[in-house]
Structure formats: structure tokens, C-alpha cells
Amino acid sequence: MKTSHTILLVEDSESMAAVYMGYMYAEPWQVTHVRTGQEALDILGQAPPDLLLLDLKLPDINGMEILKHIHKESLPVSVVIITGYGSVDMAVEALHLGACDFLEKPFSANRLLVTLKNSLEHRRLSTLVHDYRKNFDRQDFQGFIGSSTVMQGIYRIIESAASSRATVLITGESGSGKEICAEAVHRLSPRRSKSLVAINCAAIPRDLMESEIFGHVRGSFSGAISDREGAATRAHGGSLFLDEICELDFELQGKLLRFVQTGTFQKVGSNHMENVDIRFICATNKDPWQEVQAGHFREDLFFRLNVIPIQLPALRERGQDVLLIAKKFLELYSQEEGKKFKAFSPEAERLLLENPWPGNVRQLQNIIRRSVVLNNGEMIVPSMLPPEIYNIPSSPVQSGLEPMDRYANKNTSVRSDATTPKDSDAIMPLWQVEMDAIEKAIRLCGGNVPQAASRLEINPSTIYRKRARYKQMPDS
């Protein structure tokens, strides 16, 4: 059975309204008829229909005023105009205000039905597009920033997984957002009102890890001077996030397996079995299956945890997301530091996009903050970015104190041929020898400044700074 649509017919003529409603009688539509514009406005204000079949000539209000009201309030209503002979110009104006179509009197039943069906189908497709953009074209989501296709897929998995009790296993490189993902799963779940308790399995000594998870009783080991609740008890009714799960001691993995399977555990030094209601969320920057094959991680625990896997992409796999994230950090840190930075130069954006980002979002975040803190201006240019953006380690040579700086204010010109005669008794100024070497390296590297800088063993920002300085110098 077809889904019923609601249609509001606004027609002051009772006889014509009866004819139109007769045309629509066999269709699965709920049709309501009113005679005046005010009645139509009242219904629009309470429960807008799917479609409005509107006569422009009404006894109290001009139909155009109703259409303007719909346009102004952005009401989700499709409008088909009924107009008499000689009013086509007015109907065209109505189309500019958002009407879907118009019918010129007199019209047949077939003409009416085709127009209404087309308008309703247009409405359906528009709703689908709107929902798609709302749900699948997001630039940010629960702490994540990014509109790439791969991230849209991650957002949908998180939304689907959040309502479940199933265990989630998040994998991804360091700095890719595993903790943000865990927080998003918990925040969207029915357990959001309870705690998300996080434990980093790589940051706690093995001897203390069991106590951290399950707690202990007084006297259970040296230093246990009182009873202590573990993460399992604190997470009751909420979620337990075990980060870097592959670092968990192999023996303790067996106890965790029983805990995940039964929801019961014993505190260290206790004979009393406790029961809790917990949603498990785990994460690792390793490949858990490779850890299983290497004998470092229990296979049965892996299968117990890997119910809903979420593989977070590396930043280098997210395309233009790099710039979205960088601009967000630039705005945030400029505001925090009282700076005026508003954008990146095109060359700086290119460098950001070409960087492999081994440290992922965390590395990008640190670089943007460092650039903001150590510089001033309205635009981040390549010379403001730190050496690591070029994958070149810092060295004394890259400190910006090269010999050429001593000659920065001399009124001399840069040679354009970028060549230095090998067999010549002429003594060239040091700054010109250095500049010739730089220009030659850039030419031999096909114009790739970072590559030329790498071959010269200097920071690319030094090249940008020196070239800009000498372009501003007058010819001798």
C-alpha cells in the first residue's frame, strides 16, 4: 500500500473544490479543503501538509501572501498554484518564490494528477538529498573533524554501534583518534548518563594492572592498606574503555576473558564474586590479529572483543580533511594565544597535504600550535612551519643563522642564471654563491623546494625566507 500524503486544497469555490477533490478521490492522499487564506495559514501554523494546492484568488488574502509566508518561514511544504487565464505572469513570480508548478484553469483530471504526483516525488527526492547531506556529508561529528568519504563511514558505524551492548574494538595508528571514538560510542549510547572509565594498559605497571581493573581488598599485597574499587566497579552501568589492550599481560588476559564473558570478577585478595553491567570498548595501535599469531594475545579474547571492529584511517588517508583539521586548530589556538592568524598560504596548504603525518592528528595539532605561538601575522606561510613538516631533522644549520643573513641589507642583485663559473679568478660574494647554489638545486629538483632543501641539508623555510628577501632587494 502506498504511503498516504496530506494535501491542503485552498479554493473559495465550493463547486470547483468538489471537482478537484473528485479528481483526487482514487489516490491514497488525505485531502483537506478550506475556502479562505486565513484558514490555510492556521493549518500551516499547526500541521503543515505535504502539498498545498493553492488558488491565487481568495476572498480575504491574496494567495501570493500565503506563498511568501511559506517562503519566509521555510515551511516544508510543496506548493502548486492554481491560476486563471491572464495570470500566468503572476504564476511565474510564484515559481520564483518556491512554488513547484502551476495549473492554468481549466485543467483536466490527468493534468492535475500528473502535476501533483510530480510535485510529491520532487518533495520525496528533496527530502532524501537533505537527509543525505545531514547524515553523510558532515564536517564534524562527536569530536571528530573531517568530511572525507572514509570518515563518513566511520560516523555511520559509530552511530549504529552506539545503541548496542556489543563490545567495540577500535584499531588505528597513534594519534588517529581512538579515544575520541570511544567517547563518541559512549556518548551516543543509552549508557551516556553513567561513567566512561578509561584505563591505559600500556601506562600501568603489570603488577598493578589487575588491581586497577578489578580493585583489591586490604592486605592483599604490600601497600594495600585499605579496600579499593577498581575500574570495573566504577564503570557499573556505563562503559569500560581499555586502551592499548594488546599491552595487557598474557596471564591477566585470561581473567579479562572471564570478566567479559560473565560480567563477574573478584577483587585482588578477595573470595567474593561481584557482578557488574558494563559495555566494553577496547583500542589498540597494533594489529591485534598479528599479535594473536605472534602469541602475544589470546585468540579467544580477540574473538570475544572483536564483535564490532572500527578501523580508524591514518590522517594521510583522509585527503582534504588535513586542511579542515588544520584550520580548526588555527582558529582555536589563535584565539587562545591572542594572535591574528586566519588562514594558510597556498604553499603552506600544499605542504600540509603532502606530509605523511606519521603522528596523525596529534602531530598536526602540535605543529599548528607551535606555529601560532612562535609567529605573528594573519597568514601561516611555509617559513613559519617547523622543520618536521618537511621530514628533515632539526640541526644547527637550520637555525636560520646561515652566513647569507649577514648580507641581507646589501643593495645587490641575485644572479638569474644560478650558475657559478668553476674556473674563474673572480671572487664572488658569499651570499651570491649561496643563492646560486639554492637556485641551481631548485632547478635540478624540478622546482620542488622541499626536495631541494633536503639535498642541500637545510630547512625549506630558509629557502623561502632567503628567496623572498632577495626578490625585494633593488638591483645594483
Protein backbone atom coordinates (compact mmCIF):
# COMPACT_ATOMS: atom_id res chain seq x y z
CA MET A 1 0.00 0.00 0.00
CA LYS A 2 1.26 3.44 -0.93
CA THR A 3 2.17 5.89 1.76
CA SER A 4 -0.59 8.47 2.21
CA HIS A 5 0.33 12.11 1.60
CA THR A 6 -1.51 15.08 3.05
CA ILE A 7 -2.78 17.73 0.64
CA LEU A 8 -4.42 21.03 1.55
CA LEU A 9 -6.70 22.48 -1.16
CA VAL A 10 -7.30 26.23 -0.84
CA GLU A 11 -10.19 27.14 -3.16
CA ASP A 12 -13.02 29.59 -2.43
CA SER A 13 -15.39 27.99 -4.95
CA GLU A 14 -17.21 25.05 -3.39
CA SER A 15 -18.17 23.66 -6.81
CA MET A 16 -14.60 23.79 -8.18
CA ALA A 17 -13.25 22.32 -4.97
CA ALA A 18 -15.67 19.41 -5.33
CA VAL A 19 -14.47 18.83 -8.88
CA TYR A 20 -10.78 18.84 -7.85
CA MET A 21 -11.41 16.53 -4.90
CA GLY A 22 -13.29 14.21 -7.24
CA TYR A 23 -10.20 14.09 -9.48
CA MET A 24 -8.09 13.03 -6.47
CA TYR A 25 -10.62 10.62 -4.95
CA ALA A 26 -8.93 7.39 -6.12
CA GLU A 27 -5.47 8.42 -4.95
CA PRO A 28 -4.10 7.41 -1.49
CA TRP A 29 -3.99 11.03 -0.35
CA GLN A 30 -5.60 12.74 2.61
CA VAL A 31 -7.16 15.86 1.10
CA THR A 32 -8.43 18.74 3.23
CA HIS A 33 -10.34 21.68 1.74
CA VAL A 34 -10.53 25.26 3.08
CA ARG A 35 -12.10 28.34 1.43
CA THR A 36 -10.05 31.20 2.88
CA GLY A 37 -6.42 32.19 3.16
CA GLN A 38 -6.66 32.62 6.91
CA GLU A 39 -7.85 29.05 7.35
CA ALA A 40 -4.87 27.92 5.28
CA LEU A 41 -2.45 29.94 7.43
CA ASP A 42 -3.94 28.42 10.59
CA ILE A 43 -3.34 24.89 9.30
CA LEU A 44 0.17 25.76 8.09
CA GLY A 45 0.99 27.04 11.56
CA GLN A 46 -0.19 23.87 13.27
CA ALA A 47 0.48 20.89 11.00
CA PRO A 48 1.88 21.77 7.54
CA PRO A 49 0.68 19.36 4.83
CA ASP A 50 2.97 17.68 2.33
CA LEU A 51 1.48 19.70 -0.53
CA LEU A 52 -0.56 22.88 -0.84
CA LEU A 53 -2.86 23.24 -3.87
CA LEU A 54 -3.35 27.00 -3.79
CA ASP A 55 -5.73 29.23 -5.72
CA LEU A 56 -4.28 32.75 -6.00
CA LYS A 57 -7.69 34.47 -5.97
CA LEU A 58 -9.12 34.18 -2.45
CA PRO A 59 -11.80 36.29 -0.74
CA ASP A 60 -9.63 37.50 2.16
CA ILE A 61 -5.93 37.10 1.36
CA ASN A 62 -4.08 37.02 -1.94
CA GLY A 63 -2.57 33.58 -2.50
CA MET A 64 0.82 35.22 -3.11
CA GLU A 65 0.87 36.36 0.52
CA ILE A 66 0.46 32.78 1.67
CA LEU A 67 3.29 31.70 -0.60
CA LYS A 68 5.52 34.50 0.74
CA HIS A 69 4.72 33.33 4.28
CA ILE A 70 5.76 29.77 3.41
CA HIS A 71 8.96 31.04 1.80
CA LYS A 72 9.82 33.32 4.73
CA GLU A 73 9.23 30.66 7.39
CA SER A 74 10.95 27.94 5.29
CA LEU A 75 7.97 25.62 5.81
CA PRO A 76 8.47 22.07 4.44
CA VAL A 77 5.52 22.35 2.05
CA SER A 78 5.39 21.80 -1.70
CA VAL A 79 3.11 24.32 -3.42
CA VAL A 80 1.17 24.01 -6.69
CA ILE A 81 -0.51 27.22 -7.85
CA ILE A 82 -3.98 27.38 -9.46
CA THR A 83 -4.29 30.41 -11.71
CA GLY A 84 -6.89 31.75 -14.09
CA TYR A 85 -6.40 32.89 -17.66
CA GLY A 86 -4.28 36.01 -17.96
CA SER A 87 -2.47 35.47 -14.65
CA VAL A 88 0.47 33.46 -15.97
CA ASP A 89 2.92 36.25 -15.13
CA MET A 90 1.82 36.02 -11.51
CA ALA A 91 2.29 32.25 -11.61
CA VAL A 92 5.86 32.70 -12.87
CA GLU A 93 6.50 35.03 -9.94
CA ALA A 94 5.14 32.33 -7.66
CA LEU A 95 7.69 29.86 -9.06
CA HIS A 96 10.44 32.28 -8.07
CA LEU A 97 9.08 32.19 -4.52
CA GLY A 98 9.42 28.41 -4.35
CA ALA A 99 6.23 27.02 -5.90
CA CYS A 100 6.78 23.66 -7.64
CA ASP A 101 4.40 24.17 -10.56
CA PHE A 102 1.22 25.94 -11.62
CA LEU A 103 -2.04 24.88 -13.24
CA GLU A 104 -3.89 27.25 -15.56
CA LYS A 105 -7.69 26.94 -15.45
CA PRO A 106 -9.39 24.98 -16.82
CA PHE A 107 -7.35 21.79 -16.47
CA SER A 108 -8.17 18.11 -16.78
CA ALA A 109 -8.06 15.42 -14.14
CA ASN A 110 -5.00 13.88 -15.78
CA ARG A 111 -3.16 17.24 -15.80
CA LEU A 112 -3.91 17.73 -12.10
CA LEU A 113 -2.85 14.23 -11.08
CA VAL A 114 0.40 14.31 -13.09
CA THR A 115 1.32 17.70 -11.61
CA LEU A 116 0.57 16.61 -8.04
CA LYS A 117 2.44 13.30 -8.39
CA ASN A 118 5.48 15.04 -9.87
CA SER A 119 5.46 17.60 -7.07
CA LEU A 120 5.20 14.91 -4.37
CA GLU A 121 8.01 12.92 -5.99
CA HIS A 122 10.15 16.08 -6.12
CA ARG A 123 9.46 16.56 -2.43
CA ARG A 124 10.49 12.98 -1.68
CA LEU A 125 13.76 13.33 -3.57
CA SER A 126 14.49 16.68 -1.94
CA THR A 127 13.97 15.09 1.47
CA LEU A 128 16.36 12.27 0.58
CA VAL A 129 19.02 14.75 -0.53
CA HIS A 130 18.53 16.77 2.65
CA ASP A 131 18.82 13.67 4.82
CA TYR A 132 21.90 12.54 2.90
CA ARG A 133 23.63 15.86 3.41
CA LYS A 134 22.64 15.86 7.06
CA ASN A 135 23.82 12.33 7.79
CA PHE A 136 26.50 11.62 5.20
CA ASP A 137 28.09 14.97 4.41
CA ARG A 138 29.17 16.04 7.88
CA GLN A 139 32.34 18.03 8.52
CA ASP A 140 32.35 17.29 12.24
CA PHE A 141 30.94 14.54 14.41
CA GLN A 142 31.20 13.97 18.17
CA GLY A 143 34.70 15.48 18.43
CA PHE A 144 35.92 14.30 15.02
CA ILE A 145 36.65 16.80 12.25
CA GLY A 146 36.51 15.59 8.65
CA SER A 147 34.21 15.23 5.66
CA SER A 148 36.11 12.57 3.69
CA THR A 149 34.24 9.51 2.48
CA VAL A 150 36.15 7.21 4.83
CA MET A 151 35.19 9.33 7.84
CA GLN A 152 31.52 9.44 6.81
CA GLY A 153 31.64 5.65 7.00
CA ILE A 154 33.22 5.79 10.47
CA TYR A 155 30.49 8.16 11.68
CA ARG A 156 27.77 5.77 10.50
CA ILE A 157 29.42 2.77 12.19
CA ILE A 158 29.69 4.67 15.47
CA GLU A 159 26.02 5.69 15.31
CA SER A 160 24.95 2.12 14.57
CA ALA A 161 27.18 0.57 17.23
CA ALA A 162 26.37 3.05 19.99
CA SER A 163 22.90 1.73 20.79
CA SER A 164 24.14 -1.85 21.13
CA ARG A 165 25.66 -3.63 24.12
CA ALA A 166 28.19 -5.35 21.83
CA THR A 167 31.90 -4.91 22.52
CA VAL A 168 33.73 -2.49 20.24
CA LEU A 169 37.38 -2.94 19.19
CA ILE A 170 38.95 0.24 17.82
CA THR A 171 42.20 -0.03 15.86
CA GLY A 172 44.34 2.66 14.31
CA GLU A 173 47.70 4.36 14.44
CA SER A 174 48.71 6.50 17.41
CA GLY A 175 47.09 9.91 17.21
CA SER A 176 44.29 8.82 14.86
CA GLY A 177 41.51 9.47 17.39
CA LYS A 178 40.81 6.15 19.14
CA GLU A 179 39.93 7.82 22.44
CA ILE A 180 37.62 10.28 20.67
CA CYS A 181 35.95 7.30 19.00
CA ALA A 182 35.43 5.53 22.34
CA GLU A 183 33.95 8.68 23.86
CA ALA A 184 31.61 9.06 20.86
CA VAL A 185 30.35 5.48 21.19
CA HIS A 186 29.63 6.02 24.89
CA ARG A 187 28.12 9.50 24.45
CA LEU A 188 25.63 8.25 21.84
CA SER A 189 24.70 5.13 23.79
CA PRO A 190 21.87 4.61 26.31
CA ARG A 191 24.64 4.50 28.96
CA ARG A 192 25.60 8.14 28.43
CA SER A 193 24.32 9.14 31.88
CA LYS A 194 26.78 6.76 33.53
CA SER A 195 30.57 6.87 33.58
CA LEU A 196 33.05 6.05 30.83
CA VAL A 197 36.04 4.73 32.80
CA ALA A 198 39.30 4.61 30.83
CA ILE A 199 42.45 2.60 31.56
CA ASN A 200 45.64 2.78 29.50
CA CYS A 201 47.03 -0.75 29.62
CA ALA A 202 50.44 0.47 28.47
CA ALA A 203 50.82 3.11 31.18
CA ILE A 204 50.25 0.99 34.31
CA PRO A 205 52.84 -1.49 35.66
CA ARG A 206 51.84 -5.12 35.19
CA ASP A 207 51.87 -5.79 38.94
CA LEU A 208 49.23 -3.11 39.48
CA MET A 209 47.05 -3.66 36.40
CA GLU A 210 44.81 -6.34 37.94
CA SER A 211 44.12 -4.08 40.90
CA GLU A 212 43.41 -1.14 38.57
CA ILE A 213 40.79 -3.14 36.70
CA PHE A 214 39.20 -5.20 39.47
CA GLY A 215 40.24 -3.40 42.67
CA HIS A 216 41.69 -5.02 45.80
CA VAL A 217 40.96 -5.67 49.47
CA ARG A 218 43.04 -4.52 52.37
CA GLY A 219 46.17 -6.57 52.95
CA SER A 220 46.02 -8.36 49.59
CA PHE A 221 49.57 -7.18 48.79
CA SER A 222 52.24 -4.90 50.19
CA GLY A 223 50.90 -1.36 50.24
CA ALA A 224 47.22 -2.36 50.16
CA ILE A 225 46.32 -0.51 53.36
CA SER A 226 42.62 -0.27 52.55
CA ASP A 227 39.96 -1.66 50.23
CA ARG A 228 39.95 -0.08 46.78
CA GLU A 229 37.37 -0.13 44.00
CA GLY A 230 38.66 -0.89 40.53
CA ALA A 231 37.58 0.41 37.16
CA ALA A 232 35.11 -2.45 36.79
CA THR A 233 33.10 -1.28 39.79
CA ARG A 234 33.29 2.40 38.84
CA ALA A 235 32.06 1.63 35.32
CA HIS A 236 28.95 -0.25 36.51
CA GLY A 237 26.01 0.79 34.32
CA GLY A 238 28.38 2.61 31.96
CA SER A 239 31.33 1.74 29.73
CA LEU A 240 34.87 0.49 30.40
CA PHE A 241 37.47 1.71 27.89
CA LEU A 242 40.64 -0.41 27.79
CA ASP A 243 43.17 1.49 25.69
CA GLU A 244 46.23 -0.28 24.24
CA ILE A 245 44.60 -3.62 25.05
CA CYS A 246 47.37 -5.58 23.30
CA GLU A 247 49.80 -4.46 26.02
CA LEU A 248 47.84 -6.37 28.67
CA ASP A 249 49.81 -9.13 30.44
CA PHE A 250 49.06 -12.55 28.93
CA GLU A 251 48.01 -14.07 32.27
CA LEU A 252 45.67 -11.18 33.01
CA GLN A 253 44.11 -11.62 29.56
CA GLY A 254 42.58 -14.87 30.82
CA LYS A 255 40.93 -13.10 33.76
CA LEU A 256 39.68 -10.36 31.45
CA LEU A 257 38.20 -13.01 29.15
CA ARG A 258 36.17 -14.48 32.01
CA PHE A 259 35.08 -11.00 33.03
CA VAL A 260 33.91 -10.14 29.50
CA GLN A 261 32.08 -13.46 29.17
CA THR A 262 30.31 -13.50 32.55
CA GLY A 263 30.32 -9.91 33.81
CA THR A 264 31.69 -11.22 37.12
CA PHE A 265 35.06 -10.68 38.78
CA GLN A 266 36.93 -10.91 42.06
CA LYS A 267 38.94 -8.14 43.65
CA VAL A 268 42.58 -8.96 44.27
CA GLY A 269 42.78 -10.85 47.58
CA SER A 270 39.02 -11.45 47.79
CA ASN A 271 36.97 -14.65 47.55
CA HIS A 272 33.75 -12.75 46.91
CA MET A 273 32.43 -12.76 43.33
CA GLU A 274 30.97 -9.43 42.16
CA ASN A 275 28.67 -8.81 39.22
CA VAL A 276 28.53 -5.61 37.14
CA ASP A 277 26.78 -4.36 34.00
CA ILE A 278 29.42 -2.97 31.65
CA ARG A 279 29.81 -2.14 27.97
CA PHE A 280 33.40 -2.90 26.87
CA ILE A 281 35.24 -0.62 24.44
CA CYS A 282 38.84 -1.54 23.61
CA ALA A 283 41.51 0.06 21.45
CA THR A 284 45.00 -0.68 20.17
CA ASN A 285 47.53 0.86 17.79
CA LYS A 286 48.74 -2.63 16.83
CA ASP A 287 47.23 -5.22 14.51
CA PRO A 288 45.51 -7.48 17.08
CA TRP A 289 45.36 -10.47 14.74
CA GLN A 290 49.11 -10.26 14.15
CA GLU A 291 49.55 -10.15 17.93
CA VAL A 292 47.46 -13.32 18.16
CA GLN A 293 49.59 -15.07 15.54
CA ALA A 294 52.75 -13.96 17.32
CA GLY A 295 51.49 -15.49 20.54
CA HIS A 296 51.21 -12.18 22.39
CA PHE A 297 47.42 -12.01 22.57
CA ARG A 298 44.86 -14.70 23.34
CA GLU A 299 42.88 -15.81 20.31
CA ASP A 300 39.72 -16.46 22.33
CA LEU A 301 39.92 -12.97 23.88
CA PHE A 302 40.42 -11.41 20.44
CA PHE A 303 37.26 -13.03 19.08
CA ARG A 304 35.36 -12.04 22.22
CA LEU A 305 36.39 -8.38 21.84
CA ASN A 306 36.25 -8.08 18.04
CA VAL A 307 32.44 -8.00 17.82
CA ILE A 308 32.19 -4.53 16.25
CA PRO A 309 35.57 -3.56 14.75
CA ILE A 310 36.23 0.09 13.92
CA GLN A 311 39.38 0.74 11.89
CA LEU A 312 40.30 4.43 12.07
CA PRO A 313 42.16 5.70 9.00
CA ALA A 314 45.54 7.41 9.21
CA LEU A 315 45.49 11.16 8.57
CA ARG A 316 47.42 10.71 5.31
CA GLU A 317 44.48 8.63 4.01
CA ARG A 318 41.90 11.35 4.64
CA GLY A 319 42.69 13.83 1.85
CA GLN A 320 41.34 17.33 2.37
CA ASP A 321 40.48 16.53 6.00
CA VAL A 322 44.04 17.64 6.79
CA LEU A 323 43.17 21.24 5.89
CA LEU A 324 39.82 21.13 7.71
CA ILE A 325 41.54 19.98 10.89
CA ALA A 326 44.45 22.40 10.49
CA LYS A 327 42.10 25.37 10.04
CA LYS A 328 40.13 24.34 13.12
CA PHE A 329 43.31 24.20 15.20
CA LEU A 330 44.48 27.50 13.72
CA GLU A 331 41.25 29.20 14.77
CA LEU A 332 41.37 27.62 18.24
CA TYR A 333 44.99 28.42 19.06
CA SER A 334 44.91 31.91 17.53
CA GLN A 335 42.06 32.71 19.87
CA GLU A 336 43.82 31.13 22.87
CA GLU A 337 47.11 32.92 22.20
CA GLY A 338 45.59 36.25 21.21
CA LYS A 339 47.02 36.03 17.67
CA LYS A 340 45.51 37.23 14.38
CA PHE A 341 46.08 34.19 12.17
CA LYS A 342 43.14 33.48 9.89
CA ALA A 343 44.40 31.21 7.10
CA PHE A 344 47.25 29.28 5.47
CA SER A 345 49.02 30.39 2.31
CA PRO A 346 48.54 28.13 -0.75
CA GLU A 347 52.12 26.85 -0.44
CA ALA A 348 51.64 26.09 3.26
CA GLU A 349 48.43 24.20 2.46
CA ARG A 350 50.30 22.17 -0.16
CA LEU A 351 52.96 21.23 2.39
CA LEU A 352 50.29 20.18 4.88
CA LEU A 353 48.57 18.00 2.30
CA GLU A 354 51.81 16.35 1.12
CA ASN A 355 53.10 15.48 4.60
CA PRO A 356 52.74 11.77 5.51
CA TRP A 357 51.83 12.65 9.15
CA PRO A 358 53.29 9.65 10.97
CA GLY A 359 51.93 11.13 14.22
CA ASN A 360 48.49 11.71 12.66
CA VAL A 361 46.11 14.32 14.11
CA ARG A 362 48.14 14.70 17.30
CA GLN A 363 51.24 15.65 15.29
CA LEU A 364 49.25 18.11 13.15
CA GLN A 365 47.80 19.66 16.30
CA ASN A 366 51.25 20.19 17.80
CA ILE A 367 52.64 21.72 14.61
CA ILE A 368 49.81 24.22 14.26
CA ARG A 369 50.06 25.25 17.89
CA ARG A 370 53.83 25.69 17.66
CA SER A 371 53.48 27.79 14.50
CA VAL A 372 50.89 30.04 16.14
CA VAL A 373 52.87 30.51 19.37
CA LEU A 374 56.21 31.31 17.70
CA ASN A 375 54.99 33.62 14.92
CA ASN A 376 52.79 36.63 14.22
CA GLY A 377 50.67 37.71 11.29
CA GLU A 378 47.36 36.87 9.64
CA MET A 379 48.54 34.01 7.42
CA ILE A 380 50.67 30.94 8.10
CA VAL A 381 53.38 30.73 5.41
CA PRO A 382 55.92 27.91 4.87
CA SER A 383 58.69 29.69 6.78
CA MET A 384 56.52 29.58 9.92
CA LEU A 385 56.15 25.80 9.83
CA PRO A 386 58.67 23.73 11.85
CA PRO A 387 61.35 21.54 10.21
CA GLU A 388 59.42 18.31 10.79
CA ILE A 389 56.82 19.38 8.23
CA TYR A 390 59.49 18.69 5.60
CA ASN A 391 60.57 15.39 7.21
CA ILE A 392 64.01 16.92 7.88
CA PRO A 393 65.54 16.64 11.37
CA SER A 394 66.47 19.84 13.11
CA SER A 395 70.16 20.78 13.10
CA PRO A 396 72.28 23.85 13.86
CA VAL A 397 72.40 24.61 10.13
CA GLN A 398 68.58 25.00 10.16
CA SER A 399 68.57 27.58 12.91
CA GLY A 400 68.33 30.44 10.42
CA LEU A 401 71.82 31.79 11.13
CA GLU A 402 73.42 30.96 7.78
CA PRO A 403 76.23 33.31 6.61
CA MET A 404 73.98 34.84 3.95
CA ASP A 405 71.91 36.58 6.63
CA ARG A 406 74.80 38.97 7.29
CA TYR A 407 74.34 40.45 3.85
CA ALA A 408 70.56 40.75 3.93
CA ASN A 409 70.57 44.57 3.70
CA LYS A 410 73.15 44.98 0.94
CA ASN A 411 71.91 46.63 -2.28
CA THR A 412 73.00 43.81 -4.56
CA SER A 413 71.07 41.69 -7.03
CA VAL A 414 70.65 37.95 -7.30
CA ARG A 415 72.08 36.29 -10.37
CA SER A 416 69.33 34.85 -12.51
CA ASP A 417 71.40 32.20 -14.25
CA ALA A 418 72.04 30.41 -10.95
CA THR A 419 75.48 29.25 -12.16
CA THR A 420 78.93 29.94 -10.84
CA PRO A 421 82.00 29.67 -13.13
CA LYS A 422 84.23 26.90 -11.86
CA ASP A 423 87.44 28.17 -13.50
CA SER A 424 87.48 31.82 -12.62
CA ASP A 425 89.73 34.03 -10.55
CA ALA A 426 86.77 36.23 -9.68
CA ILE A 427 85.79 36.20 -6.03
CA MET A 428 82.02 36.05 -5.65
CA PRO A 429 80.23 37.43 -2.58
CA LEU A 430 79.30 34.62 -0.20
CA TRP A 431 75.61 35.47 -0.33
CA GLN A 432 75.60 35.16 -4.13
CA VAL A 433 77.45 31.85 -4.11
CA GLU A 434 74.89 30.53 -1.66
CA MET A 435 71.96 31.88 -3.62
CA ASP A 436 73.32 30.40 -6.86
CA ALA A 437 73.55 27.02 -5.14
CA ILE A 438 69.99 27.29 -3.90
CA GLU A 439 68.56 28.26 -7.29
CA LYS A 440 70.54 25.53 -9.03
CA ALA A 441 69.27 22.91 -6.57
CA ILE A 442 65.67 24.05 -7.08
CA ARG A 443 66.08 23.89 -10.85
CA LEU A 444 67.61 20.41 -10.73
CA CYS A 445 64.76 19.23 -8.48
CA GLY A 446 62.15 20.42 -10.94
CA GLY A 447 61.03 23.34 -8.79
CA ASN A 448 60.37 21.18 -5.72
CA VAL A 449 61.61 23.36 -2.85
CA PRO A 450 61.35 20.75 -0.05
CA GLN A 451 63.31 18.26 -2.16
CA ALA A 452 65.94 20.87 -2.95
CA ALA A 453 66.21 21.75 0.73
CA SER A 454 66.67 18.09 1.61
CA ARG A 455 69.51 17.77 -0.92
CA LEU A 456 71.12 20.94 0.43
CA GLU A 457 70.59 19.71 4.02
CA ILE A 458 68.85 22.88 5.09
CA ASN A 459 65.32 23.76 6.18
CA PRO A 460 62.93 24.61 3.31
CA SER A 461 61.73 27.59 5.35
CA THR A 462 65.25 29.00 4.99
CA ILE A 463 64.94 28.84 1.20
CA TYR A 464 61.56 30.58 1.21
CA ARG A 465 62.84 33.29 3.52
CA LYS A 466 66.03 33.97 1.57
CA ARG A 467 64.32 34.00 -1.84
CA ALA A 468 61.67 36.40 -0.59
CA ARG A 469 64.32 38.68 0.91
CA TYR A 470 66.41 38.94 -2.24
CA LYS A 471 63.41 39.48 -4.51
CA GLN A 472 62.77 42.67 -2.54
CA MET A 473 66.32 43.97 -2.90
CA PRO A 474 66.98 46.65 -5.58
CA ASP A 475 69.32 45.89 -8.46
CA SER A 476 72.86 47.17 -8.07
